[in-house]
Amino acid sequence: MGGCHSYPSATDADTKTLQPSDVNNEKMGINNNNLEERPYLQEQHVCQRITHTDMFALTALPPGIDRAEWLASNTVAFFKHVNLFSSALSEFCTPSTCPTACGPGNTIYVWIDDHGRKLKCSAPLYFDYAMSYIQDLLTDEEVFPTKAGSAFPTGFVFLVQKVFLLLFRTLAHIYWSHYRETLSLGLQAHLNTLFTHLTLFCQLHALLETEDTEPLRDLITALGQQSET
């Protein structure tokens, strides 16, 4: 399973056993599509949404609801939506089209193994491992308990932050490397709505650092301006 299916890769990094112990990013190389422009910032695309629902009402912690429970339920929901969306584009995300897991601004995402080694790999493999890592967390009763009265573990918020970092990177790769395919499938309004909801949720609940969202800061600003109009 995964946001992009795993395909055989000719790179050495893809043949290694990767452990989803940590994630990091570096500025290096070029983006997959060599795009000088950013079509997702064009006015005719930025303005497209599938709903005009008050996003603040959807993301704010409801009165009387435990914060950990609210984070947990939304983490599960966002994972399902992002995984479903990226799966719809998986046929376009292969080791040949996406030899690196990249985002805007020549950002390349690398996996870090249990020994602290940075391992560059193709986008399909990176996001397959990312989605598998998240799935394992969500189905772990010690991390995301489902039984009444069960307590969330120490460090729960840190794990939620890691999940949303991986989800954000998945969407960043889609915007950067697969936006034209998104347009051809008529999914741009869904992508904008999902991205706006996710980034606002992260902002309200302090789940991502400024440096994490920097690659798409221009889009976050543009979508925010559209929300105010």
C-alpha atoms as a PDB file:
ATOM      1  CA  MET A   1       0.000   0.000   0.000  1.00  0.00           C
ATOM      2  CA  GLY A   2       1.086   3.592  -0.041  1.00  0.00           C
ATOM      3  CA  GLY A   3       0.535   7.013  -1.469  1.00  0.00           C
ATOM      4  CA  CYS A   4       2.459   5.996  -4.573  1.00  0.00           C
ATOM      5  CA  HIS A   5       2.885   2.334  -5.363  1.00  0.00           C
ATOM      6  CA  SER A   6       6.360   0.872  -5.089  1.00  0.00           C
ATOM      7  CA  TYR A   7       7.944   0.064  -8.432  1.00  0.00           C
ATOM      8  CA  PRO A   8      11.305  -1.632  -9.021  1.00  0.00           C
ATOM      9  CA  SER A   9      14.037   0.990  -9.069  1.00  0.00           C
ATOM     10  CA  ALA A  10      17.424   0.941 -10.707  1.00  0.00           C
ATOM     11  CA  THR A  11      18.992   3.137  -8.019  1.00  0.00           C
ATOM     12  CA  ASP A  12      21.197   1.696  -5.323  1.00  0.00           C
ATOM     13  CA  ALA A  13      19.276   3.518  -2.633  1.00  0.00           C
ATOM     14  CA  ASP A  14      16.055   1.716  -3.547  1.00  0.00           C
ATOM     15  CA  THR A  15      17.648  -1.684  -3.033  1.00  0.00           C
ATOM     16  CA  LYS A  16      18.491  -0.987   0.603  1.00  0.00           C
ATOM     17  CA  THR A  17      16.238  -1.837   3.508  1.00  0.00           C
ATOM     18  CA  LEU A  18      14.801   1.420   4.761  1.00  0.00           C
ATOM     19  CA  GLN A  19      13.602   1.959   8.292  1.00  0.00           C
ATOM     20  CA  PRO A  20      11.082   4.769   8.829  1.00  0.00           C
ATOM     21  CA  SER A  21      12.788   5.957  11.996  1.00  0.00           C
ATOM     22  CA  ASP A  22      13.039   9.591  11.031  1.00  0.00           C
ATOM     23  CA  VAL A  23      12.716  12.006   8.149  1.00  0.00           C
ATOM     24  CA  ASN A  24      14.625  15.040   7.004  1.00  0.00           C
ATOM     25  CA  ASN A  25      15.012  17.219   3.948  1.00  0.00           C
ATOM     26  CA  GLU A  26      17.849  18.808   2.045  1.00  0.00           C
ATOM     27  CA  LYS A  27      18.186  21.384  -0.706  1.00  0.00           C
ATOM     28  CA  MET A  28      19.860  19.712  -3.655  1.00  0.00           C
ATOM     29  CA  GLY A  29      19.393  18.732  -7.251  1.00  0.00           C
ATOM     30  CA  ILE A  30      16.510  19.785  -9.467  1.00  0.00           C
ATOM     31  CA  ASN A  31      12.832  19.031  -9.457  1.00  0.00           C
ATOM     32  CA  ASN A  32      11.523  16.127 -11.481  1.00  0.00           C
ATOM     33  CA  ASN A  33       9.648  18.137 -14.086  1.00  0.00           C
ATOM     34  CA  ASN A  34      12.125  21.005 -14.437  1.00  0.00           C
ATOM     35  CA  LEU A  35       9.295  23.482 -14.018  1.00  0.00           C
ATOM     36  CA  GLU A  36      10.284  27.131 -13.963  1.00  0.00           C
ATOM     37  CA  GLU A  37       6.699  28.196 -13.386  1.00  0.00           C
ATOM     38  CA  ARG A  38       4.318  27.110 -10.668  1.00  0.00           C
ATOM     39  CA  PRO A  39       0.952  26.496 -12.346  1.00  0.00           C
ATOM     40  CA  TYR A  40      -0.761  25.818  -9.036  1.00  0.00           C
ATOM     41  CA  LEU A  41      -0.317  29.517  -8.204  1.00  0.00           C
ATOM     42  CA  GLN A  42      -2.216  30.726 -11.259  1.00  0.00           C
ATOM     43  CA  GLU A  43      -5.391  32.559 -10.286  1.00  0.00           C
ATOM     44  CA  GLN A  44      -7.725  30.298 -12.255  1.00  0.00           C
ATOM     45  CA  HIS A  45      -6.428  27.300 -10.272  1.00  0.00           C
ATOM     46  CA  VAL A  46      -5.957  28.829  -6.803  1.00  0.00           C
ATOM     47  CA  CYS A  47      -9.588  29.918  -6.629  1.00  0.00           C
ATOM     48  CA  GLN A  48     -10.960  26.418  -7.108  1.00  0.00           C
ATOM     49  CA  ARG A  49     -12.437  24.608  -4.087  1.00  0.00           C
ATOM     50  CA  ILE A  50     -15.092  21.949  -3.646  1.00  0.00           C
ATOM     51  CA  THR A  51     -16.671  23.623  -0.622  1.00  0.00           C
ATOM     52  CA  HIS A  52     -16.986  27.008   1.005  1.00  0.00           C
ATOM     53  CA  THR A  53     -17.385  25.533   4.474  1.00  0.00           C
ATOM     54  CA  ASP A  54     -15.785  27.499   7.306  1.00  0.00           C
ATOM     55  CA  MET A  55     -12.436  25.725   7.637  1.00  0.00           C
ATOM     56  CA  PHE A  56     -11.814  27.240  11.069  1.00  0.00           C
ATOM     57  CA  ALA A  57     -14.974  25.600  12.351  1.00  0.00           C
ATOM     58  CA  LEU A  58     -13.765  22.250  10.976  1.00  0.00           C
ATOM     59  CA  THR A  59     -10.315  22.461  12.524  1.00  0.00           C
ATOM     60  CA  ALA A  60     -10.793  24.165  15.895  1.00  0.00           C
ATOM     61  CA  LEU A  61     -11.024  21.984  18.998  1.00  0.00           C
ATOM     62  CA  PRO A  62     -14.730  21.638  19.876  1.00  0.00           C
ATOM     63  CA  PRO A  63     -15.732  22.526  23.449  1.00  0.00           C
ATOM     64  CA  GLY A  64     -15.579  19.579  25.802  1.00  0.00           C
ATOM     65  CA  ILE A  65     -13.512  17.382  23.468  1.00  0.00           C
ATOM     66  CA  ASP A  66     -10.181  15.985  24.635  1.00  0.00           C
ATOM     67  CA  ARG A  67      -7.334  17.421  22.560  1.00  0.00           C
ATOM     68  CA  ALA A  68      -5.609  14.057  22.066  1.00  0.00           C
ATOM     69  CA  GLU A  69      -8.873  12.499  20.885  1.00  0.00           C
ATOM     70  CA  TRP A  70      -9.403  15.377  18.449  1.00  0.00           C
ATOM     71  CA  LEU A  71      -5.871  15.054  17.086  1.00  0.00           C
ATOM     72  CA  ALA A  72      -6.210  11.291  16.763  1.00  0.00           C
ATOM     73  CA  SER A  73      -9.515  11.315  14.881  1.00  0.00           C
ATOM     74  CA  ASN A  74      -8.335  14.024  12.488  1.00  0.00           C
ATOM     75  CA  THR A  75      -5.001  12.293  11.910  1.00  0.00           C
ATOM     76  CA  VAL A  76      -6.823   9.160  10.782  1.00  0.00           C
ATOM     77  CA  ALA A  77      -9.150  11.172   8.519  1.00  0.00           C
ATOM     78  CA  PHE A  78      -6.362  13.197   6.899  1.00  0.00           C
ATOM     79  CA  PHE A  79      -4.317  10.052   6.283  1.00  0.00           C
ATOM     80  CA  LYS A  80      -7.236   8.416   4.465  1.00  0.00           C
ATOM     81  CA  HIS A  81      -7.832  11.484   2.295  1.00  0.00           C
ATOM     82  CA  VAL A  82      -4.174  12.059   1.387  1.00  0.00           C
ATOM     83  CA  ASN A  83      -3.554   8.381   0.733  1.00  0.00           C
ATOM     84  CA  LEU A  84      -6.638   8.162  -1.488  1.00  0.00           C
ATOM     85  CA  PHE A  85      -5.660  11.260  -3.443  1.00  0.00           C
ATOM     86  CA  SER A  86      -2.054  10.216  -3.989  1.00  0.00           C
ATOM     87  CA  SER A  87      -3.180   6.724  -4.999  1.00  0.00           C
ATOM     88  CA  ALA A  88      -5.239   8.306  -7.787  1.00  0.00           C
ATOM     89  CA  LEU A  89      -1.985   9.694  -9.211  1.00  0.00           C
ATOM     90  CA  SER A  90       0.199   6.676  -8.506  1.00  0.00           C
ATOM     91  CA  GLU A  91       0.465   5.586 -12.144  1.00  0.00           C
ATOM     92  CA  PHE A  92       2.255   8.857 -12.919  1.00  0.00           C
ATOM     93  CA  CYS A  93       4.720   8.523 -10.031  1.00  0.00           C
ATOM     94  CA  THR A  94       7.424   6.042 -11.010  1.00  0.00           C
ATOM     95  CA  PRO A  95      11.196   5.823 -10.485  1.00  0.00           C
ATOM     96  CA  SER A  96      11.706   7.093 -14.044  1.00  0.00           C
ATOM     97  CA  THR A  97       9.378  10.090 -13.753  1.00  0.00           C
ATOM     98  CA  CYS A  98      10.260  10.793 -10.123  1.00  0.00           C
ATOM     99  CA  PRO A  99      13.802   9.565  -9.361  1.00  0.00           C
ATOM    100  CA  THR A 100      13.777  11.660  -6.184  1.00  0.00           C
ATOM    101  CA  ALA A 101      11.085  12.568  -3.679  1.00  0.00           C
ATOM    102  CA  CYS A 102      11.039  16.298  -4.259  1.00  0.00           C
ATOM    103  CA  GLY A 103       8.971  19.361  -3.554  1.00  0.00           C
ATOM    104  CA  PRO A 104       9.006  23.026  -4.589  1.00  0.00           C
ATOM    105  CA  GLY A 105      12.206  25.026  -4.423  1.00  0.00           C
ATOM    106  CA  ASN A 106      14.442  22.071  -5.266  1.00  0.00           C
ATOM    107  CA  THR A 107      13.608  20.449  -1.944  1.00  0.00           C
ATOM    108  CA  ILE A 108      14.502  16.767  -1.894  1.00  0.00           C
ATOM    109  CA  TYR A 109      13.169  14.552   0.870  1.00  0.00           C
ATOM    110  CA  VAL A 110      15.449  11.815   2.140  1.00  0.00           C
ATOM    111  CA  TRP A 111      14.768   8.941   4.504  1.00  0.00           C
ATOM    112  CA  ILE A 112      16.927   8.406   7.576  1.00  0.00           C
ATOM    113  CA  ASP A 113      17.556   4.840   8.700  1.00  0.00           C
ATOM    114  CA  ASP A 114      18.066   3.513  12.232  1.00  0.00           C
ATOM    115  CA  HIS A 115      21.761   4.316  11.984  1.00  0.00           C
ATOM    116  CA  GLY A 116      21.186   7.934  11.062  1.00  0.00           C
ATOM    117  CA  ARG A 117      22.190   7.478   7.435  1.00  0.00           C
ATOM    118  CA  LYS A 118      20.447   9.631   4.848  1.00  0.00           C
ATOM    119  CA  LEU A 119      19.153   7.491   2.021  1.00  0.00           C
ATOM    120  CA  LYS A 120      17.938   9.142  -1.161  1.00  0.00           C
ATOM    121  CA  CYS A 121      15.307   7.113  -2.961  1.00  0.00           C
ATOM    122  CA  SER A 122      12.711   7.498  -5.667  1.00  0.00           C
ATOM    123  CA  ALA A 123       9.432   9.232  -4.857  1.00  0.00           C
ATOM    124  CA  PRO A 124       7.328   6.046  -5.138  1.00  0.00           C
ATOM    125  CA  LEU A 125       9.517   4.260  -2.629  1.00  0.00           C
ATOM    126  CA  TYR A 126       9.755   7.237  -0.268  1.00  0.00           C
ATOM    127  CA  PHE A 127       6.016   7.794  -0.113  1.00  0.00           C
ATOM    128  CA  ASP A 128       5.242   4.086  -0.004  1.00  0.00           C
ATOM    129  CA  TYR A 129       7.412   3.833   3.101  1.00  0.00           C
ATOM    130  CA  ALA A 130       5.865   7.010   4.483  1.00  0.00           C
ATOM    131  CA  MET A 131       2.306   5.725   4.102  1.00  0.00           C
ATOM    132  CA  SER A 132       3.230   2.317   5.470  1.00  0.00           C
ATOM    133  CA  TYR A 133       4.887   3.973   8.462  1.00  0.00           C
ATOM    134  CA  ILE A 134       1.758   6.020   9.159  1.00  0.00           C
ATOM    135  CA  GLN A 135      -0.502   2.989   8.720  1.00  0.00           C
ATOM    136  CA  ASP A 136       1.552   1.063  11.269  1.00  0.00           C
ATOM    137  CA  LEU A 137       1.204   3.910  13.775  1.00  0.00           C
ATOM    138  CA  LEU A 138      -2.539   4.267  13.287  1.00  0.00           C
ATOM    139  CA  THR A 139      -3.163   0.560  13.812  1.00  0.00           C
ATOM    140  CA  ASP A 140      -0.946   0.356  16.901  1.00  0.00           C
ATOM    141  CA  GLU A 141      -3.223   0.266  19.966  1.00  0.00           C
ATOM    142  CA  GLU A 142      -0.342   1.516  22.107  1.00  0.00           C
ATOM    143  CA  VAL A 143      -0.154   4.715  20.032  1.00  0.00           C
ATOM    144  CA  PHE A 144      -3.714   5.251  18.762  1.00  0.00           C
ATOM    145  CA  PRO A 145      -5.894   3.455  21.312  1.00  0.00           C
ATOM    146  CA  THR A 146      -9.475   2.699  20.306  1.00  0.00           C
ATOM    147  CA  LYS A 147     -10.778   1.179  23.524  1.00  0.00           C
ATOM    148  CA  ALA A 148     -12.706   3.391  25.949  1.00  0.00           C
ATOM    149  CA  GLY A 149     -10.603   4.550  28.861  1.00  0.00           C
ATOM    150  CA  SER A 150      -7.257   3.837  27.174  1.00  0.00           C
ATOM    151  CA  ALA A 151      -4.632   6.541  27.583  1.00  0.00           C
ATOM    152  CA  PHE A 152      -2.584   8.074  24.801  1.00  0.00           C
ATOM    153  CA  PRO A 153       1.168   7.495  25.187  1.00  0.00           C
ATOM    154  CA  THR A 154       3.751  10.020  26.249  1.00  0.00           C
ATOM    155  CA  GLY A 155       5.055  11.726  23.135  1.00  0.00           C
ATOM    156  CA  PHE A 156       1.770  11.254  21.275  1.00  0.00           C
ATOM    157  CA  VAL A 157       1.797  14.805  19.908  1.00  0.00           C
ATOM    158  CA  PHE A 158       5.340  14.305  18.583  1.00  0.00           C
ATOM    159  CA  LEU A 159       4.182  11.252  16.623  1.00  0.00           C
ATOM    160  CA  VAL A 160       1.200  13.170  15.254  1.00  0.00           C
ATOM    161  CA  GLN A 161       3.578  15.922  14.142  1.00  0.00           C
ATOM    162  CA  LYS A 162       5.673  13.366  12.276  1.00  0.00           C
ATOM    163  CA  VAL A 163       2.575  12.009  10.548  1.00  0.00           C
ATOM    164  CA  PHE A 164       1.504  15.448   9.374  1.00  0.00           C
ATOM    165  CA  LEU A 165       5.012  16.207   8.167  1.00  0.00           C
ATOM    166  CA  LEU A 166       4.860  13.154   5.923  1.00  0.00           C
ATOM    167  CA  LEU A 167       1.353  14.034   4.739  1.00  0.00           C
ATOM    168  CA  PHE A 168       2.454  17.578   3.930  1.00  0.00           C
ATOM    169  CA  ARG A 169       5.421  16.276   1.943  1.00  0.00           C
ATOM    170  CA  THR A 170       3.139  13.976  -0.008  1.00  0.00           C
ATOM    171  CA  LEU A 171       0.975  16.904  -1.072  1.00  0.00           C
ATOM    172  CA  ALA A 172       4.045  19.058  -1.761  1.00  0.00           C
ATOM    173  CA  HIS A 173       5.331  16.421  -4.178  1.00  0.00           C
ATOM    174  CA  ILE A 174       1.953  16.245  -5.899  1.00  0.00           C
ATOM    175  CA  TYR A 175       1.791  20.005  -6.378  1.00  0.00           C
ATOM    176  CA  TRP A 176       5.366  20.153  -7.648  1.00  0.00           C
ATOM    177  CA  SER A 177       5.650  17.054  -9.800  1.00  0.00           C
ATOM    178  CA  HIS A 178       2.103  15.976 -10.644  1.00  0.00           C
ATOM    179  CA  TYR A 179       0.001  19.116 -10.797  1.00  0.00           C
ATOM    180  CA  ARG A 180      -0.494  18.871 -14.546  1.00  0.00           C
ATOM    181  CA  GLU A 181      -1.818  15.328 -14.117  1.00  0.00           C
ATOM    182  CA  THR A 182      -4.041  16.668 -11.328  1.00  0.00           C
ATOM    183  CA  LEU A 183      -5.451  19.215 -13.778  1.00  0.00           C
ATOM    184  CA  SER A 184      -5.994  16.639 -16.498  1.00  0.00           C
ATOM    185  CA  LEU A 185      -7.996  14.513 -14.041  1.00  0.00           C
ATOM    186  CA  GLY A 186      -9.990  17.523 -12.861  1.00  0.00           C
ATOM    187  CA  LEU A 187      -8.858  17.074  -9.261  1.00  0.00           C
ATOM    188  CA  GLN A 188      -7.374  20.518  -8.593  1.00  0.00           C
ATOM    189  CA  ALA A 189     -10.370  21.736  -6.552  1.00  0.00           C
ATOM    190  CA  HIS A 190     -10.186  18.632  -4.345  1.00  0.00           C
ATOM    191  CA  LEU A 191      -6.428  19.086  -3.898  1.00  0.00           C
ATOM    192  CA  ASN A 192      -6.762  22.744  -2.916  1.00  0.00           C
ATOM    193  CA  THR A 193      -9.516  21.961  -0.424  1.00  0.00           C
ATOM    194  CA  LEU A 194      -7.559  19.114   1.160  1.00  0.00           C
ATOM    195  CA  PHE A 195      -4.344  21.132   1.328  1.00  0.00           C
ATOM    196  CA  THR A 196      -6.087  24.184   2.818  1.00  0.00           C
ATOM    197  CA  HIS A 197      -7.794  22.060   5.458  1.00  0.00           C
ATOM    198  CA  LEU A 198      -4.586  20.225   6.380  1.00  0.00           C
ATOM    199  CA  THR A 199      -2.372  23.300   6.629  1.00  0.00           C
ATOM    200  CA  LEU A 200      -4.950  25.206   8.680  1.00  0.00           C
ATOM    201  CA  PHE A 201      -5.326  22.252  11.053  1.00  0.00           C
ATOM    202  CA  CYS A 202      -1.554  22.114  11.475  1.00  0.00           C
ATOM    203  CA  GLN A 203      -1.399  25.853  12.087  1.00  0.00           C
ATOM    204  CA  LEU A 204      -4.121  25.854  14.736  1.00  0.00           C
ATOM    205  CA  HIS A 205      -2.658  22.880  16.582  1.00  0.00           C
ATOM    206  CA  ALA A 206       1.063  23.667  16.141  1.00  0.00           C
ATOM    207  CA  LEU A 207       1.871  20.477  14.243  1.00  0.00           C
ATOM    208  CA  LEU A 208       4.366  21.782  11.679  1.00  0.00           C
ATOM    209  CA  GLU A 209       7.321  24.139  11.922  1.00  0.00           C
ATOM    210  CA  THR A 210       7.662  27.118   9.603  1.00  0.00           C
ATOM    211  CA  GLU A 211      10.623  25.470   7.867  1.00  0.00           C
ATOM    212  CA  ASP A 212       8.490  22.388   7.167  1.00  0.00           C
ATOM    213  CA  THR A 213       5.887  24.354   5.226  1.00  0.00           C
ATOM    214  CA  GLU A 214       8.304  26.794   3.573  1.00  0.00           C
ATOM    215  CA  PRO A 215       8.382  24.961   0.188  1.00  0.00           C
ATOM    216  CA  LEU A 216       4.689  25.777  -0.289  1.00  0.00           C
ATOM    217  CA  ARG A 217       4.520  29.026   1.646  1.00  0.00           C
ATOM    218  CA  ASP A 218       3.513  30.937  -1.494  1.00  0.00           C
ATOM    219  CA  LEU A 219       0.585  28.575  -2.084  1.00  0.00           C
ATOM    220  CA  ILE A 220      -0.515  28.701   1.561  1.00  0.00           C
ATOM    221  CA  THR A 221      -0.571  32.500   1.330  1.00  0.00           C
ATOM    222  CA  ALA A 222      -2.461  32.468  -1.977  1.00  0.00           C
ATOM    223  CA  LEU A 223      -5.076  30.016  -0.723  1.00  0.00           C
ATOM    224  CA  GLY A 224      -5.442  32.021   2.473  1.00  0.00           C
ATOM    225  CA  GLN A 225      -6.146  35.157   0.479  1.00  0.00           C
ATOM    226  CA  GLN A 226      -8.787  33.301  -1.515  1.00  0.00           C
ATOM    227  CA  SER A 227     -10.446  32.203   1.737  1.00  0.00           C
ATOM    228  CA  GLU A 228     -10.756  35.812   2.845  1.00  0.00           C
ATOM    229  CA  THR A 229     -12.498  36.947  -0.346  1.00  0.00           C
END
